[in-house]
Amino acid sequence: MTRIRGIAAVTALLLGTGAAHADPCKVTIESNDQMQYSAHELAIPPQCKQVEVTLRNVGKLPAKVMAHDWVLARESDMPAIVNAGLAAGLTHGFVPEHDPRVIAATHLVGGGESATVRFSTAALAPGDHYSFFCTSPGHSTVMRGRFLFGEPGRVAQAGKSRTNRQ
């Protein structure tokens, strides 16, 4: 019985150690051939000075058929950025070049590909309304979500967020 308790204690310690070293400033979100993100909300704690978002396209279709990106902006700027992205065209990845409204953006990825973007949170204000979305033509109507920065009690979780009930 003592041996079983010892094994359980070591297992709990190892599992706890892994969770303690997870970086809440790094998140991964997936996209697929059905024009979906794996999460509709990403939460980043206020202590993050830099954020790293990785977009993994788990679909099978190539970028020329079904490309996705991950773009972050103020919620109110999303429609204008999507329209400007259409004007920018595929040559610019459907993201307007040097647009100050774009906080962060990955490049377009096809099935089996991934892209990572790193950005400072200096321009983000806790409690403001931010959205992430895909700028491929027509995708933003369904491929979008909320980006929460600095909300107390929220923690990032591998592409998903949850309420911290401690």
Protein backbone atom coordinates (compact mmCIF):
# COMPACT_ATOMS: atom_id res chain seq x y z
CA MET A 1 0.00 0.00 0.00
CA THR A 2 2.85 2.37 0.86
CA ARG A 3 4.50 1.64 -2.50
CA ILE A 4 1.26 2.52 -4.37
CA ARG A 5 0.99 5.80 -2.45
CA GLY A 6 4.63 6.55 -3.32
CA ILE A 7 4.04 5.90 -7.01
CA ALA A 8 0.89 8.05 -6.93
CA ALA A 9 2.79 10.88 -5.24
CA VAL A 10 5.62 10.76 -7.80
CA THR A 11 3.11 10.67 -10.67
CA ALA A 12 1.24 13.68 -9.25
CA LEU A 13 4.52 15.54 -8.80
CA LEU A 14 5.58 14.84 -12.38
CA LEU A 15 2.19 15.87 -13.79
CA GLY A 16 2.21 19.02 -11.68
CA THR A 17 5.72 19.88 -12.82
CA GLY A 18 4.71 19.64 -16.48
CA ALA A 19 1.75 21.94 -15.91
CA ALA A 20 3.87 24.40 -13.96
CA HIS A 21 6.28 24.80 -16.87
CA ALA A 22 3.60 25.34 -19.53
CA ASP A 23 4.06 28.83 -20.96
CA PRO A 24 0.76 30.73 -20.90
CA CYS A 25 2.26 33.26 -23.35
CA LYS A 26 2.48 30.62 -26.11
CA VAL A 27 -0.66 29.17 -27.68
CA THR A 28 -1.42 26.93 -30.63
CA ILE A 29 -4.61 27.05 -32.64
CA GLU A 30 -5.57 24.74 -35.47
CA SER A 31 -7.47 25.35 -38.69
CA ASN A 32 -8.94 22.78 -41.08
CA ASP A 33 -10.46 22.23 -44.52
CA GLN A 34 -13.95 22.98 -43.15
CA MET A 35 -12.97 26.63 -42.50
CA GLN A 36 -12.84 26.23 -38.71
CA TYR A 37 -10.48 27.22 -35.94
CA SER A 38 -10.07 24.80 -33.03
CA ALA A 39 -10.94 27.57 -30.55
CA HIS A 40 -13.28 30.54 -30.53
CA GLU A 41 -11.48 32.25 -27.68
CA LEU A 42 -7.84 32.69 -26.68
CA ALA A 43 -6.93 34.19 -23.31
CA ILE A 44 -3.51 35.59 -22.47
CA PRO A 45 -2.63 36.64 -18.90
CA PRO A 46 -1.51 40.23 -18.21
CA GLN A 47 2.05 39.22 -17.22
CA CYS A 48 2.84 38.22 -20.84
CA LYS A 49 5.03 40.88 -22.43
CA GLN A 50 5.39 38.84 -25.64
CA VAL A 51 2.86 36.42 -27.11
CA GLU A 52 3.57 33.58 -29.51
CA VAL A 53 0.69 32.15 -31.53
CA THR A 54 1.19 29.12 -33.76
CA LEU A 55 -1.40 28.32 -36.41
CA ARG A 56 -1.41 24.68 -37.53
CA ASN A 57 -3.50 23.82 -40.58
CA VAL A 58 -4.52 20.21 -39.93
CA GLY A 59 -6.39 20.02 -43.23
CA LYS A 60 -5.22 18.20 -46.35
CA LEU A 61 -5.92 20.78 -49.06
CA PRO A 62 -2.99 22.83 -50.40
CA ALA A 63 -2.76 26.59 -49.80
CA LYS A 64 -3.85 27.41 -53.37
CA VAL A 65 -7.19 25.72 -52.59
CA MET A 66 -7.78 26.30 -48.85
CA ALA A 67 -5.30 28.66 -47.20
CA HIS A 68 -5.74 30.06 -43.71
CA ASP A 69 -4.01 32.69 -41.63
CA TRP A 70 -4.42 34.11 -38.13
CA VAL A 71 -4.79 37.87 -37.83
CA LEU A 72 -5.27 39.89 -34.63
CA ALA A 73 -6.90 43.32 -34.49
CA ARG A 74 -9.34 45.37 -32.47
CA GLU A 75 -12.81 43.93 -32.94
CA SER A 76 -14.03 47.20 -34.50
CA ASP A 77 -11.22 47.11 -37.12
CA MET A 78 -11.89 43.59 -38.38
CA PRO A 79 -14.34 44.39 -41.23
CA ALA A 80 -12.11 47.13 -42.64
CA ILE A 81 -9.01 44.91 -42.47
CA VAL A 82 -10.83 42.07 -44.24
CA ASN A 83 -11.92 44.46 -47.03
CA ALA A 84 -8.43 45.96 -47.33
CA GLY A 85 -7.04 42.42 -47.42
CA LEU A 86 -9.22 41.61 -50.41
CA ALA A 87 -7.81 44.66 -52.17
CA ALA A 88 -4.25 43.62 -51.20
CA GLY A 89 -4.87 40.24 -52.82
CA LEU A 90 -3.11 36.91 -52.68
CA THR A 91 0.25 38.54 -53.46
CA HIS A 92 0.15 40.09 -49.97
CA GLY A 93 -1.56 37.13 -48.30
CA PHE A 94 -4.89 39.02 -48.09
CA VAL A 95 -3.42 41.25 -45.35
CA PRO A 96 -2.97 44.95 -46.11
CA GLU A 97 0.73 45.84 -45.97
CA HIS A 98 1.88 48.10 -43.13
CA ASP A 99 -1.67 48.57 -41.85
CA PRO A 100 -1.41 49.91 -38.28
CA ARG A 101 -4.74 48.27 -37.40
CA VAL A 102 -3.18 44.80 -37.77
CA ILE A 103 -1.64 43.90 -34.42
CA ALA A 104 -0.23 40.54 -35.54
CA ALA A 105 -0.61 38.17 -38.47
CA THR A 106 0.74 34.87 -39.71
CA HIS A 107 1.27 34.12 -43.37
CA LEU A 108 -1.18 31.87 -45.22
CA VAL A 109 -0.76 28.12 -44.67
CA GLY A 110 -2.17 25.11 -46.47
CA GLY A 111 -2.89 21.63 -45.18
CA GLY A 112 -0.10 20.18 -43.06
CA GLU A 113 1.67 23.54 -42.72
CA SER A 114 2.06 25.87 -39.77
CA ALA A 115 3.07 29.47 -39.11
CA THR A 116 4.07 31.27 -35.92
CA VAL A 117 3.79 34.95 -35.09
CA ARG A 118 5.38 36.66 -32.07
CA PHE A 119 4.25 40.07 -30.92
CA SER A 120 4.49 42.49 -28.03
CA THR A 121 1.52 43.11 -25.78
CA ALA A 122 2.61 46.72 -25.20
CA ALA A 123 -0.15 48.05 -27.46
CA LEU A 124 -2.84 45.81 -25.94
CA ALA A 125 -5.09 47.08 -23.16
CA PRO A 126 -6.65 44.64 -20.70
CA GLY A 127 -10.41 44.53 -21.19
CA ASP A 128 -10.39 45.95 -24.74
CA HIS A 129 -12.18 43.96 -27.43
CA TYR A 130 -9.84 42.10 -29.80
CA SER A 131 -10.65 39.57 -32.49
CA PHE A 132 -8.63 37.01 -34.38
CA PHE A 133 -9.75 35.94 -37.83
CA CYS A 134 -8.75 34.49 -41.19
CA THR A 135 -8.41 36.94 -44.08
CA SER A 136 -8.76 34.43 -46.94
CA PRO A 137 -11.75 35.59 -49.02
CA GLY A 138 -15.01 34.70 -47.29
CA HIS A 139 -13.37 32.94 -44.34
CA SER A 140 -13.75 35.65 -41.68
CA THR A 141 -17.51 35.15 -41.54
CA VAL A 142 -16.96 31.80 -39.79
CA MET A 143 -13.25 31.79 -38.89
CA ARG A 144 -13.08 34.28 -36.08
CA GLY A 145 -12.80 34.40 -32.33
CA ARG A 146 -12.22 36.57 -29.29
CA PHE A 147 -8.73 37.37 -28.06
CA LEU A 148 -8.75 38.17 -24.35
CA PHE A 149 -5.76 39.95 -22.90
CA GLY A 150 -5.23 40.50 -19.21
CA GLU A 151 -8.56 39.29 -17.90
CA PRO A 152 -8.21 38.10 -14.30
CA GLY A 153 -9.07 34.45 -13.75
CA ARG A 154 -8.43 33.48 -17.40
CA VAL A 155 -5.54 31.31 -18.50
CA ALA A 156 -4.35 30.24 -21.94
CA GLN A 157 -4.67 26.55 -22.71
CA ALA A 158 -3.13 25.06 -25.89
CA GLY A 159 -5.45 26.85 -28.25
CA LYS A 160 -8.33 27.05 -25.79
CA SER A 161 -9.03 29.09 -22.73
CA ARG A 162 -10.82 28.27 -19.53
CA THR A 163 -11.82 30.02 -16.36
CA ASN A 164 -9.36 29.51 -13.53
CA ARG A 165 -11.39 28.36 -10.54
CA GLN A 166 -8.75 28.32 -7.84
